[in-house]
Amino acid sequence: MIPALGLVAGIIAGLFLDVSVPLDLQPYVPIAIVAALDAVFGGIRAVMEGIFDDKVFVVSFIANVLIAALIVYLGDQLGVGAQLSTAVIVVLGIRIFTNAATIRRHIFRA
């Protein structure tokens, strides 16, 4: 329940607050958002499976965002930032959809 509440609070804050991201950080924002969503969906799945641990969630959330941003940063430094960004999005997207499928099966028993 905590990850779902955090997601809702974040969406509401994002809709009502005017946030400007510096130009140099803009390539990293979508990657950070997808990495954070991966952690949130993993947290929701863990809650439904009865194995949620808040410390694991926080560490996973921060680590996902930092590792994804680091990979994209290294890609930018090597001149292959777009390719590594795509790779990060694909991997995290697969994890998000896997967790979403597990959540759906848990909710609908199908």
PDB file of N, CA and C in Angstrom:
ATOM      1  N   MET A   1       0.820  -1.196   0.000  1.00  0.00           N
ATOM      2  CA  MET A   1       0.000   0.000   0.000  1.00  0.00           C
ATOM      3  C   MET A   1       0.862   1.256   0.000  1.00  0.00           C
ATOM      4  N   ILE A   2       1.998   1.203   0.683  1.00  0.00           N
ATOM      5  CA  ILE A   2       2.889   2.360   0.745  1.00  0.00           C
ATOM      6  C   ILE A   2       3.392   2.748  -0.648  1.00  0.00           C
ATOM      7  N   PRO A   3       3.844   1.777  -1.474  1.00  0.00           N
ATOM      8  CA  PRO A   3       4.293   2.177  -2.813  1.00  0.00           C
ATOM      9  C   PRO A   3       3.175   2.806  -3.642  1.00  0.00           C
ATOM     10  N   ALA A   4       1.965   2.277  -3.538  1.00  0.00           N
ATOM     11  CA  ALA A   4       0.850   2.833  -4.298  1.00  0.00           C
ATOM     12  C   ALA A   4       0.527   4.252  -3.834  1.00  0.00           C
ATOM     13  N   LEU A   5       0.559   4.471  -2.527  1.00  0.00           N
ATOM     14  CA  LEU A   5       0.317   5.820  -2.008  1.00  0.00           C
ATOM     15  C   LEU A   5       1.414   6.784  -2.439  1.00  0.00           C
ATOM     16  N   GLY A   6       2.656   6.323  -2.433  1.00  0.00           N
ATOM     17  CA  GLY A   6       3.767   7.151  -2.890  1.00  0.00           C
ATOM     18  C   GLY A   6       3.641   7.504  -4.356  1.00  0.00           C
ATOM     19  N   LEU A   7       3.202   6.541  -5.165  1.00  0.00           N
ATOM     20  CA  LEU A   7       2.997   6.792  -6.585  1.00  0.00           C
ATOM     21  C   LEU A   7       1.908   7.826  -6.807  1.00  0.00           C
ATOM     22  N   VAL A   8       0.797   7.673  -6.109  1.00  0.00           N
ATOM     23  CA  VAL A   8      -0.314   8.632  -6.236  1.00  0.00           C
ATOM     24  C   VAL A   8       0.123  10.019  -5.761  1.00  0.00           C
ATOM     25  N   ALA A   9       0.824  10.087  -4.635  1.00  0.00           N
ATOM     26  CA  ALA A   9       1.295  11.379  -4.127  1.00  0.00           C
ATOM     27  C   ALA A   9       2.261  12.028  -5.115  1.00  0.00           C
ATOM     28  N   GLY A  10       3.132  11.233  -5.716  1.00  0.00           N
ATOM     29  CA  GLY A  10       4.071  11.763  -6.696  1.00  0.00           C
ATOM     30  C   GLY A  10       3.378  12.285  -7.944  1.00  0.00           C
ATOM     31  N   ILE A  11       2.377  11.571  -8.406  1.00  0.00           N
ATOM     32  CA  ILE A  11       1.623  12.018  -9.582  1.00  0.00           C
ATOM     33  C   ILE A  11       0.894  13.312  -9.280  1.00  0.00           C
ATOM     34  N   ILE A  12       0.255  13.388  -8.133  1.00  0.00           N
ATOM     35  CA  ILE A  12      -0.469  14.612  -7.746  1.00  0.00           C
ATOM     36  C   ILE A  12       0.501  15.781  -7.607  1.00  0.00           C
ATOM     37  N   ALA A  13       1.641  15.557  -6.962  1.00  0.00           N
ATOM     38  CA  ALA A  13       2.639  16.621  -6.814  1.00  0.00           C
ATOM     39  C   ALA A  13       3.147  17.069  -8.183  1.00  0.00           C
ATOM     40  N   GLY A  14       3.371  16.120  -9.077  1.00  0.00           N
ATOM     41  CA  GLY A  14       3.840  16.457 -10.415  1.00  0.00           C
ATOM     42  C   GLY A  14       2.847  17.259 -11.218  1.00  0.00           C
ATOM     43  N   LEU A  15       1.562  17.018 -10.985  1.00  0.00           N
ATOM     44  CA  LEU A  15       0.535  17.759 -11.714  1.00  0.00           C
ATOM     45  C   LEU A  15       0.387  19.192 -11.216  1.00  0.00           C
ATOM     46  N   PHE A  16       0.603  19.414  -9.935  1.00  0.00           N
ATOM     47  CA  PHE A  16       0.329  20.735  -9.366  1.00  0.00           C
ATOM     48  C   PHE A  16       1.572  21.599  -9.131  1.00  0.00           C
ATOM     49  N   LEU A  17       2.751  21.005  -9.152  1.00  0.00           N
ATOM     50  CA  LEU A  17       3.968  21.777  -8.941  1.00  0.00           C
ATOM     51  C   LEU A  17       4.651  22.042 -10.285  1.00  0.00           C
ATOM     52  N   ASP A  18       5.163  23.242 -10.449  1.00  0.00           N
ATOM     53  CA  ASP A  18       5.882  23.590 -11.664  1.00  0.00           C
ATOM     54  C   ASP A  18       7.357  23.284 -11.447  1.00  0.00           C
ATOM     55  N   VAL A  19       7.791  22.156 -11.992  1.00  0.00           N
ATOM     56  CA  VAL A  19       9.152  21.707 -11.796  1.00  0.00           C
ATOM     57  C   VAL A  19       9.931  21.939 -13.093  1.00  0.00           C
ATOM     58  N   SER A  20      11.052  22.612 -12.988  1.00  0.00           N
ATOM     59  CA  SER A  20      11.897  22.778 -14.168  1.00  0.00           C
ATOM     60  C   SER A  20      13.192  22.000 -13.944  1.00  0.00           C
ATOM     61  N   VAL A  21      13.561  21.265 -14.958  1.00  0.00           N
ATOM     62  CA  VAL A  21      14.756  20.433 -14.885  1.00  0.00           C
ATOM     63  C   VAL A  21      15.848  21.121 -15.701  1.00  0.00           C
ATOM     64  N   PRO A  22      17.044  21.263 -15.141  1.00  0.00           N
ATOM     65  CA  PRO A  22      18.133  21.864 -15.908  1.00  0.00           C
ATOM     66  C   PRO A  22      18.375  21.100 -17.215  1.00  0.00           C
ATOM     67  N   LEU A  23      18.766  21.811 -18.232  1.00  0.00           N
ATOM     68  CA  LEU A  23      18.954  21.237 -19.561  1.00  0.00           C
ATOM     69  C   LEU A  23      19.929  20.057 -19.556  1.00  0.00           C
ATOM     70  N   ASP A  24      20.978  20.134 -18.755  1.00  0.00           N
ATOM     71  CA  ASP A  24      21.970  19.060 -18.709  1.00  0.00           C
ATOM     72  C   ASP A  24      21.426  17.766 -18.114  1.00  0.00           C
ATOM     73  N   LEU A  25      20.398  17.877 -17.273  1.00  0.00           N
ATOM     74  CA  LEU A  25      19.842  16.688 -16.622  1.00  0.00           C
ATOM     75  C   LEU A  25      18.640  16.100 -17.352  1.00  0.00           C
ATOM     76  N   GLN A  26      18.131  16.782 -18.358  1.00  0.00           N
ATOM     77  CA  GLN A  26      16.917  16.330 -19.033  1.00  0.00           C
ATOM     78  C   GLN A  26      17.014  14.932 -19.648  1.00  0.00           C
ATOM     79  N   PRO A  27      18.150  14.518 -20.192  1.00  0.00           N
ATOM     80  CA  PRO A  27      18.204  13.145 -20.728  1.00  0.00           C
ATOM     81  C   PRO A  27      18.060  12.061 -19.660  1.00  0.00           C
ATOM     82  N   TYR A  28      18.325  12.417 -18.413  1.00  0.00           N
ATOM     83  CA  TYR A  28      18.305  11.422 -17.339  1.00  0.00           C
ATOM     84  C   TYR A  28      16.940  11.296 -16.658  1.00  0.00           C
ATOM     85  N   VAL A  29      16.089  12.281 -16.821  1.00  0.00           N
ATOM     86  CA  VAL A  29      14.793  12.282 -16.135  1.00  0.00           C
ATOM     87  C   VAL A  29      13.907  11.113 -16.572  1.00  0.00           C
ATOM     88  N   PRO A  30      13.710  10.867 -17.872  1.00  0.00           N
ATOM     89  CA  PRO A  30      12.863   9.723 -18.246  1.00  0.00           C
ATOM     90  C   PRO A  30      13.409   8.394 -17.745  1.00  0.00           C
ATOM     91  N   ILE A  31      14.734   8.246 -17.778  1.00  0.00           N
ATOM     92  CA  ILE A  31      15.349   7.013 -17.298  1.00  0.00           C
ATOM     93  C   ILE A  31      15.110   6.856 -15.798  1.00  0.00           C
ATOM     94  N   ALA A  32      15.259   7.947 -15.061  1.00  0.00           N
ATOM     95  CA  ALA A  32      15.044   7.903 -13.609  1.00  0.00           C
ATOM     96  C   ALA A  32      13.586   7.574 -13.289  1.00  0.00           C
ATOM     97  N   ILE A  33      12.668   8.124 -14.077  1.00  0.00           N
ATOM     98  CA  ILE A  33      11.243   7.852 -13.840  1.00  0.00           C
ATOM     99  C   ILE A  33      10.933   6.385 -14.087  1.00  0.00           C
ATOM    100  N   VAL A  34      11.438   5.836 -15.172  1.00  0.00           N
ATOM    101  CA  VAL A  34      11.183   4.419 -15.471  1.00  0.00           C
ATOM    102  C   VAL A  34      11.822   3.529 -14.406  1.00  0.00           C
ATOM    103  N   ALA A  35      13.018   3.876 -13.964  1.00  0.00           N
ATOM    104  CA  ALA A  35      13.673   3.098 -12.905  1.00  0.00           C
ATOM    105  C   ALA A  35      12.878   3.168 -11.610  1.00  0.00           C
ATOM    106  N   ALA A  36      12.355   4.339 -11.289  1.00  0.00           N
ATOM    107  CA  ALA A  36      11.540   4.490 -10.082  1.00  0.00           C
ATOM    108  C   ALA A  36      10.240   3.687 -10.208  1.00  0.00           C
ATOM    109  N   LEU A  37       9.626   3.716 -11.384  1.00  0.00           N
ATOM    110  CA  LEU A  37       8.401   2.936 -11.588  1.00  0.00           C
ATOM    111  C   LEU A  37       8.659   1.445 -11.436  1.00  0.00           C
ATOM    112  N   ASP A  38       9.830   0.994 -11.877  1.00  0.00           N
ATOM    113  CA  ASP A  38      10.189  -0.407 -11.695  1.00  0.00           C
ATOM    114  C   ASP A  38      10.206  -0.770 -10.213  1.00  0.00           C
ATOM    115  N   ALA A  39      10.804   0.090  -9.408  1.00  0.00           N
ATOM    116  CA  ALA A  39      10.849  -0.168  -7.968  1.00  0.00           C
ATOM    117  C   ALA A  39       9.455  -0.133  -7.356  1.00  0.00           C
ATOM    118  N   VAL A  40       8.633   0.803  -7.809  1.00  0.00           N
ATOM    119  CA  VAL A  40       7.272   0.915  -7.262  1.00  0.00           C
ATOM    120  C   VAL A  40       6.444  -0.323  -7.596  1.00  0.00           C
ATOM    121  N   PHE A  41       6.491  -0.761  -8.854  1.00  0.00           N
ATOM    122  CA  PHE A  41       5.732  -1.954  -9.212  1.00  0.00           C
ATOM    123  C   PHE A  41       6.283  -3.192  -8.504  1.00  0.00           C
ATOM    124  N   GLY A  42       7.590  -3.246  -8.309  1.00  0.00           N
ATOM    125  CA  GLY A  42       8.169  -4.341  -7.523  1.00  0.00           C
ATOM    126  C   GLY A  42       7.692  -4.299  -6.080  1.00  0.00           C
ATOM    127  N   GLY A  43       7.558  -3.091  -5.527  1.00  0.00           N
ATOM    128  CA  GLY A  43       7.040  -2.941  -4.169  1.00  0.00           C
ATOM    129  C   GLY A  43       5.590  -3.374  -4.048  1.00  0.00           C
ATOM    130  N   ILE A  44       4.791  -2.986  -5.036  1.00  0.00           N
ATOM    131  CA  ILE A  44       3.372  -3.390  -5.028  1.00  0.00           C
ATOM    132  C   ILE A  44       3.270  -4.908  -5.117  1.00  0.00           C
ATOM    133  N   ARG A  45       4.083  -5.499  -5.980  1.00  0.00           N
ATOM    134  CA  ARG A  45       4.084  -6.963  -6.109  1.00  0.00           C
ATOM    135  C   ARG A  45       4.485  -7.620  -4.784  1.00  0.00           C
ATOM    136  N   ALA A  46       5.505  -7.078  -4.137  1.00  0.00           N
ATOM    137  CA  ALA A  46       5.964  -7.645  -2.868  1.00  0.00           C
ATOM    138  C   ALA A  46       4.883  -7.549  -1.800  1.00  0.00           C
ATOM    139  N   VAL A  47       4.153  -6.432  -1.775  1.00  0.00           N
ATOM    140  CA  VAL A  47       3.056  -6.288  -0.811  1.00  0.00           C
ATOM    141  C   VAL A  47       2.012  -7.364  -1.051  1.00  0.00           C
ATOM    142  N   MET A  48       1.648  -7.580  -2.306  1.00  0.00           N
ATOM    143  CA  MET A  48       0.615  -8.575  -2.626  1.00  0.00           C
ATOM    144  C   MET A  48       1.076  -9.999  -2.324  1.00  0.00           C
ATOM    145  N   GLU A  49       2.389 -10.233  -2.410  1.00  0.00           N
ATOM    146  CA  GLU A  49       2.920 -11.556  -2.100  1.00  0.00           C
ATOM    147  C   GLU A  49       3.230 -11.709  -0.618  1.00  0.00           C
ATOM    148  N   GLY A  50       3.075 -10.616   0.151  1.00  0.00           N
ATOM    149  CA  GLY A  50       3.303 -10.660   1.584  1.00  0.00           C
ATOM    150  C   GLY A  50       4.771 -10.674   1.981  1.00  0.00           C
ATOM    151  N   ILE A  51       5.645 -10.199   1.102  1.00  0.00           N
ATOM    152  CA  ILE A  51       7.076 -10.224   1.398  1.00  0.00           C
ATOM    153  C   ILE A  51       7.692  -8.816   1.353  1.00  0.00           C
ATOM    154  N   PHE A  52       6.866  -7.795   1.463  1.00  0.00           N
ATOM    155  CA  PHE A  52       7.354  -6.417   1.369  1.00  0.00           C
ATOM    156  C   PHE A  52       8.239  -6.077   2.564  1.00  0.00           C
ATOM    157  N   ASP A  53       9.360  -5.441   2.277  1.00  0.00           N
ATOM    158  CA  ASP A  53      10.270  -4.947   3.303  1.00  0.00           C
ATOM    159  C   ASP A  53      10.620  -3.517   2.932  1.00  0.00           C
ATOM    160  N   ASP A  54      10.325  -2.585   3.823  1.00  0.00           N
ATOM    161  CA  ASP A  54      10.514  -1.175   3.491  1.00  0.00           C
ATOM    162  C   ASP A  54      11.971  -0.833   3.214  1.00  0.00           C
ATOM    163  N   LYS A  55      12.896  -1.452   3.908  1.00  0.00           N
ATOM    164  CA  LYS A  55      14.323  -1.181   3.658  1.00  0.00           C
ATOM    165  C   LYS A  55      14.723  -1.648   2.266  1.00  0.00           C
ATOM    166  N   VAL A  56      14.264  -2.826   1.874  1.00  0.00           N
ATOM    167  CA  VAL A  56      14.553  -3.348   0.543  1.00  0.00           C
ATOM    168  C   VAL A  56      13.954  -2.426  -0.517  1.00  0.00           C
ATOM    169  N   PHE A  57      12.749  -1.934  -0.264  1.00  0.00           N
ATOM    170  CA  PHE A  57      12.094  -1.045  -1.226  1.00  0.00           C
ATOM    171  C   PHE A  57      12.888   0.240  -1.408  1.00  0.00           C
ATOM    172  N   VAL A  58      13.283   0.866  -0.320  1.00  0.00           N
ATOM    173  CA  VAL A  58      14.015   2.138  -0.402  1.00  0.00           C
ATOM    174  C   VAL A  58      15.353   1.930  -1.099  1.00  0.00           C
ATOM    175  N   VAL A  59      16.080   0.885  -0.719  1.00  0.00           N
ATOM    176  CA  VAL A  59      17.373   0.610  -1.349  1.00  0.00           C
ATOM    177  C   VAL A  59      17.180   0.302  -2.837  1.00  0.00           C
ATOM    178  N   SER A  60      16.167  -0.482  -3.165  1.00  0.00           N
ATOM    179  CA  SER A  60      15.884  -0.809  -4.559  1.00  0.00           C
ATOM    180  C   SER A  60      15.533   0.440  -5.356  1.00  0.00           C
ATOM    181  N   PHE A  61      14.713   1.287  -4.784  1.00  0.00           N
ATOM    182  CA  PHE A  61      14.286   2.521  -5.445  1.00  0.00           C
ATOM    183  C   PHE A  61      15.496   3.392  -5.767  1.00  0.00           C
ATOM    184  N   ILE A  62      16.319   3.658  -4.760  1.00  0.00           N
ATOM    185  CA  ILE A  62      17.483   4.534  -4.946  1.00  0.00           C
ATOM    186  C   ILE A  62      18.500   3.876  -5.875  1.00  0.00           C
ATOM    187  N   ALA A  63      18.767   2.600  -5.676  1.00  0.00           N
ATOM    188  CA  ALA A  63      19.754   1.910  -6.507  1.00  0.00           C
ATOM    189  C   ALA A  63      19.315   1.861  -7.967  1.00  0.00           C
ATOM    190  N   ASN A  64      18.043   1.576  -8.230  1.00  0.00           N
ATOM    191  CA  ASN A  64      17.554   1.540  -9.608  1.00  0.00           C
ATOM    192  C   ASN A  64      17.779   2.875 -10.299  1.00  0.00           C
ATOM    193  N   VAL A  65      17.413   3.949  -9.636  1.00  0.00           N
ATOM    194  CA  VAL A  65      17.547   5.281 -10.237  1.00  0.00           C
ATOM    195  C   VAL A  65      19.023   5.609 -10.474  1.00  0.00           C
ATOM    196  N   LEU A  66      19.863   5.369  -9.481  1.00  0.00           N
ATOM    197  CA  LEU A  66      21.278   5.710  -9.626  1.00  0.00           C
ATOM    198  C   LEU A  66      21.978   4.858 -10.685  1.00  0.00           C
ATOM    199  N   ILE A  67      21.712   3.572 -10.700  1.00  0.00           N
ATOM    200  CA  ILE A  67      22.358   2.699 -11.677  1.00  0.00           C
ATOM    201  C   ILE A  67      21.903   3.040 -13.093  1.00  0.00           C
ATOM    202  N   ALA A  68      20.609   3.258 -13.277  1.00  0.00           N
ATOM    203  CA  ALA A  68      20.109   3.617 -14.604  1.00  0.00           C
ATOM    204  C   ALA A  68      20.712   4.941 -15.071  1.00  0.00           C
ATOM    205  N   ALA A  69      20.772   5.929 -14.187  1.00  0.00           N
ATOM    206  CA  ALA A  69      21.363   7.219 -14.553  1.00  0.00           C
ATOM    207  C   ALA A  69      22.850   7.067 -14.850  1.00  0.00           C
ATOM    208  N   LEU A  70      23.546   6.241 -14.092  1.00  0.00           N
ATOM    209  CA  LEU A  70      24.974   6.018 -14.324  1.00  0.00           C
ATOM    210  C   LEU A  70      25.216   5.360 -15.688  1.00  0.00           C
ATOM    211  N   ILE A  71      24.390   4.388 -16.031  1.00  0.00           N
ATOM    212  CA  ILE A  71      24.534   3.728 -17.333  1.00  0.00           C
ATOM    213  C   ILE A  71      24.331   4.730 -18.466  1.00  0.00           C
ATOM    214  N   VAL A  72      23.318   5.571 -18.351  1.00  0.00           N
ATOM    215  CA  VAL A  72      23.062   6.571 -19.391  1.00  0.00           C
ATOM    216  C   VAL A  72      24.184   7.599 -19.426  1.00  0.00           C
ATOM    217  N   TYR A  73      24.690   8.004 -18.273  1.00  0.00           N
ATOM    218  CA  TYR A  73      25.802   8.952 -18.222  1.00  0.00           C
ATOM    219  C   TYR A  73      27.037   8.370 -18.915  1.00  0.00           C
ATOM    220  N   LEU A  74      27.352   7.121 -18.599  1.00  0.00           N
ATOM    221  CA  LEU A  74      28.491   6.477 -19.243  1.00  0.00           C
ATOM    222  C   LEU A  74      28.281   6.374 -20.747  1.00  0.00           C
ATOM    223  N   GLY A  75      27.070   6.074 -21.152  1.00  0.00           N
ATOM    224  CA  GLY A  75      26.758   6.034 -22.582  1.00  0.00           C
ATOM    225  C   GLY A  75      26.963   7.381 -23.242  1.00  0.00           C
ATOM    226  N   ASP A  76      26.556   8.449 -22.567  1.00  0.00           N
ATOM    227  CA  ASP A  76      26.779   9.798 -23.094  1.00  0.00           C
ATOM    228  C   ASP A  76      28.267  10.091 -23.229  1.00  0.00           C
ATOM    229  N   GLN A  77      29.043   9.682 -22.247  1.00  0.00           N
ATOM    230  CA  GLN A  77      30.482   9.925 -22.288  1.00  0.00           C
ATOM    231  C   GLN A  77      31.152   9.126 -23.405  1.00  0.00           C
ATOM    232  N   LEU A  78      30.620   7.958 -23.710  1.00  0.00           N
ATOM    233  CA  LEU A  78      31.182   7.117 -24.765  1.00  0.00           C
ATOM    234  C   LEU A  78      30.605   7.429 -26.138  1.00  0.00           C
ATOM    235  N   GLY A  79      29.593   8.290 -26.177  1.00  0.00           N
ATOM    236  CA  GLY A  79      28.977   8.649 -27.449  1.00  0.00           C
ATOM    237  C   GLY A  79      27.886   7.701 -27.906  1.00  0.00           C
ATOM    238  N   VAL A  80      27.439   6.839 -27.019  1.00  0.00           N
ATOM    239  CA  VAL A  80      26.368   5.889 -27.350  1.00  0.00           C
ATOM    240  C   VAL A  80      25.210   6.021 -26.358  1.00  0.00           C
ATOM    241  N   GLY A  81      24.958   7.253 -25.932  1.00  0.00           N
ATOM    242  CA  GLY A  81      23.937   7.496 -24.911  1.00  0.00           C
ATOM    243  C   GLY A  81      22.552   7.041 -25.331  1.00  0.00           C
ATOM    244  N   ALA A  82      22.194   7.273 -26.593  1.00  0.00           N
ATOM    245  CA  ALA A  82      20.853   6.891 -27.058  1.00  0.00           C
ATOM    246  C   ALA A  82      20.666   5.380 -27.018  1.00  0.00           C
ATOM    247  N   GLN A  83      21.693   4.641 -27.422  1.00  0.00           N
ATOM    248  CA  GLN A  83      21.589   3.178 -27.428  1.00  0.00           C
ATOM    249  C   GLN A  83      21.487   2.630 -26.014  1.00  0.00           C
ATOM    250  N   LEU A  84      22.294   3.159 -25.103  1.00  0.00           N
ATOM    251  CA  LEU A  84      22.219   2.664 -23.730  1.00  0.00           C
ATOM    252  C   LEU A  84      20.926   3.107 -23.052  1.00  0.00           C
ATOM    253  N   SER A  85      20.427   4.292 -23.394  1.00  0.00           N
ATOM    254  CA  SER A  85      19.125   4.726 -22.859  1.00  0.00           C
ATOM    255  C   SER A  85      18.037   3.760 -23.294  1.00  0.00           C
ATOM    256  N   THR A  86      18.076   3.378 -24.562  1.00  0.00           N
ATOM    257  CA  THR A  86      17.090   2.423 -25.078  1.00  0.00           C
ATOM    258  C   THR A  86      17.210   1.083 -24.368  1.00  0.00           C
ATOM    259  N   ALA A  87      18.439   0.634 -24.157  1.00  0.00           N
ATOM    260  CA  ALA A  87      18.646  -0.641 -23.471  1.00  0.00           C
ATOM    261  C   ALA A  87      18.091  -0.602 -22.051  1.00  0.00           C
ATOM    262  N   VAL A  88      18.340   0.493 -21.338  1.00  0.00           N
ATOM    263  CA  VAL A  88      17.837   0.625 -19.965  1.00  0.00           C
ATOM    264  C   VAL A  88      16.310   0.632 -19.968  1.00  0.00           C
ATOM    265  N   ILE A  89      15.711   1.378 -20.892  1.00  0.00           N
ATOM    266  CA  ILE A  89      14.243   1.447 -20.973  1.00  0.00           C
ATOM    267  C   ILE A  89      13.664   0.069 -21.272  1.00  0.00           C
ATOM    268  N   VAL A  90      14.280  -0.670 -22.190  1.00  0.00           N
ATOM    269  CA  VAL A  90      13.772  -1.999 -22.543  1.00  0.00           C
ATOM    270  C   VAL A  90      13.844  -2.942 -21.343  1.00  0.00           C
ATOM    271  N   VAL A  91      14.996  -2.984 -20.683  1.00  0.00           N
ATOM    272  CA  VAL A  91      15.162  -3.899 -19.539  1.00  0.00           C
ATOM    273  C   VAL A  91      14.188  -3.541 -18.421  1.00  0.00           C
ATOM    274  N   LEU A  92      14.126  -2.263 -18.062  1.00  0.00           N
ATOM    275  CA  LEU A  92      13.216  -1.866 -16.983  1.00  0.00           C
ATOM    276  C   LEU A  92      11.761  -2.021 -17.402  1.00  0.00           C
ATOM    277  N   GLY A  93      11.473  -1.777 -18.677  1.00  0.00           N
ATOM    278  CA  GLY A  93      10.108  -1.974 -19.174  1.00  0.00           C
ATOM    279  C   GLY A  93       9.674  -3.421 -19.053  1.00  0.00           C
ATOM    280  N   ILE A  94      10.568  -4.338 -19.387  1.00  0.00           N
ATOM    281  CA  ILE A  94      10.256  -5.763 -19.246  1.00  0.00           C
ATOM    282  C   ILE A  94       9.967  -6.094 -17.786  1.00  0.00           C
ATOM    283  N   ARG A  95      10.794  -5.554 -16.873  1.00  0.00           N
ATOM    284  CA  ARG A  95      10.573  -5.807 -15.442  1.00  0.00           C
ATOM    285  C   ARG A  95       9.234  -5.213 -14.979  1.00  0.00           C
ATOM    286  N   ILE A  96       8.905  -4.018 -15.455  1.00  0.00           N
ATOM    287  CA  ILE A  96       7.641  -3.380 -15.069  1.00  0.00           C
ATOM    288  C   ILE A  96       6.475  -4.224 -15.542  1.00  0.00           C
ATOM    289  N   PHE A  97       6.507  -4.662 -16.802  1.00  0.00           N
ATOM    290  CA  PHE A  97       5.401  -5.463 -17.317  1.00  0.00           C
ATOM    291  C   PHE A  97       5.323  -6.836 -16.661  1.00  0.00           C
ATOM    292  N   THR A  98       6.454  -7.404 -16.287  1.00  0.00           N
ATOM    293  CA  THR A  98       6.445  -8.678 -15.559  1.00  0.00           C
ATOM    294  C   THR A  98       5.779  -8.499 -14.197  1.00  0.00           C
ATOM    295  N   ASN A  99       6.158  -7.433 -13.487  1.00  0.00           N
ATOM    296  CA  ASN A  99       5.526  -7.164 -12.189  1.00  0.00           C
ATOM    297  C   ASN A  99       4.048  -6.845 -12.359  1.00  0.00           C
ATOM    298  N   ALA A 100       3.696  -6.076 -13.401  1.00  0.00           N
ATOM    299  CA  ALA A 100       2.285  -5.749 -13.644  1.00  0.00           C
ATOM    300  C   ALA A 100       1.481  -7.017 -13.933  1.00  0.00           C
ATOM    301  N   ALA A 101       2.066  -7.943 -14.684  1.00  0.00           N
ATOM    302  CA  ALA A 101       1.374  -9.203 -14.965  1.00  0.00           C
ATOM    303  C   ALA A 101       1.166 -10.009 -13.687  1.00  0.00           C
ATOM    304  N   THR A 102       2.152 -10.032 -12.834  1.00  0.00           N
ATOM    305  CA  THR A 102       2.023 -10.747 -11.563  1.00  0.00           C
ATOM    306  C   THR A 102       0.952 -10.096 -10.692  1.00  0.00           C
ATOM    307  N   ILE A 103       0.936  -8.772 -10.648  1.00  0.00           N
ATOM    308  CA  ILE A 103      -0.096  -8.043  -9.885  1.00  0.00           C
ATOM    309  C   ILE A 103      -1.473  -8.337 -10.441  1.00  0.00           C
ATOM    310  N   ARG A 104      -1.601  -8.325 -11.771  1.00  0.00           N
ATOM    311  CA  ARG A 104      -2.888  -8.616 -12.414  1.00  0.00           C
ATOM    312  C   ARG A 104      -3.351 -10.026 -12.083  1.00  0.00           C
ATOM    313  N   ARG A 105      -2.427 -10.989 -12.162  1.00  0.00           N
ATOM    314  CA  ARG A 105      -2.801 -12.379 -11.823  1.00  0.00           C
ATOM    315  C   ARG A 105      -3.231 -12.500 -10.374  1.00  0.00           C
ATOM    316  N   HIS A 106      -2.574 -11.748  -9.500  1.00  0.00           N
ATOM    317  CA  HIS A 106      -2.929 -11.799  -8.083  1.00  0.00           C
ATOM    318  C   HIS A 106      -4.309 -11.189  -7.843  1.00  0.00           C
ATOM    319  N   ILE A 107      -4.598 -10.088  -8.507  1.00  0.00           N
ATOM    320  CA  ILE A 107      -5.885  -9.405  -8.310  1.00  0.00           C
ATOM    321  C   ILE A 107      -7.035 -10.189  -8.919  1.00  0.00           C
ATOM    322  N   PHE A 108      -6.861 -10.629 -10.181  1.00  0.00           N
ATOM    323  CA  PHE A 108      -7.958 -11.266 -10.900  1.00  0.00           C
ATOM    324  C   PHE A 108      -7.919 -12.782 -10.853  1.00  0.00           C
ATOM    325  N   ARG A 109      -6.904 -13.340 -10.205  1.00  0.00           N
ATOM    326  CA  ARG A 109      -6.756 -14.790 -10.097  1.00  0.00           C
ATOM    327  C   ARG A 109      -6.768 -15.455 -11.480  1.00  0.00           C
ATOM    328  N   ALA A 110      -6.190 -14.729 -12.452  1.00  0.00           N
ATOM    329  CA  ALA A 110      -6.150 -15.272 -13.819  1.00  0.00           C
ATOM    330  C   ALA A 110      -4.830 -14.966 -14.474  1.00  0.00           C
TER     331      ALA A 110
END
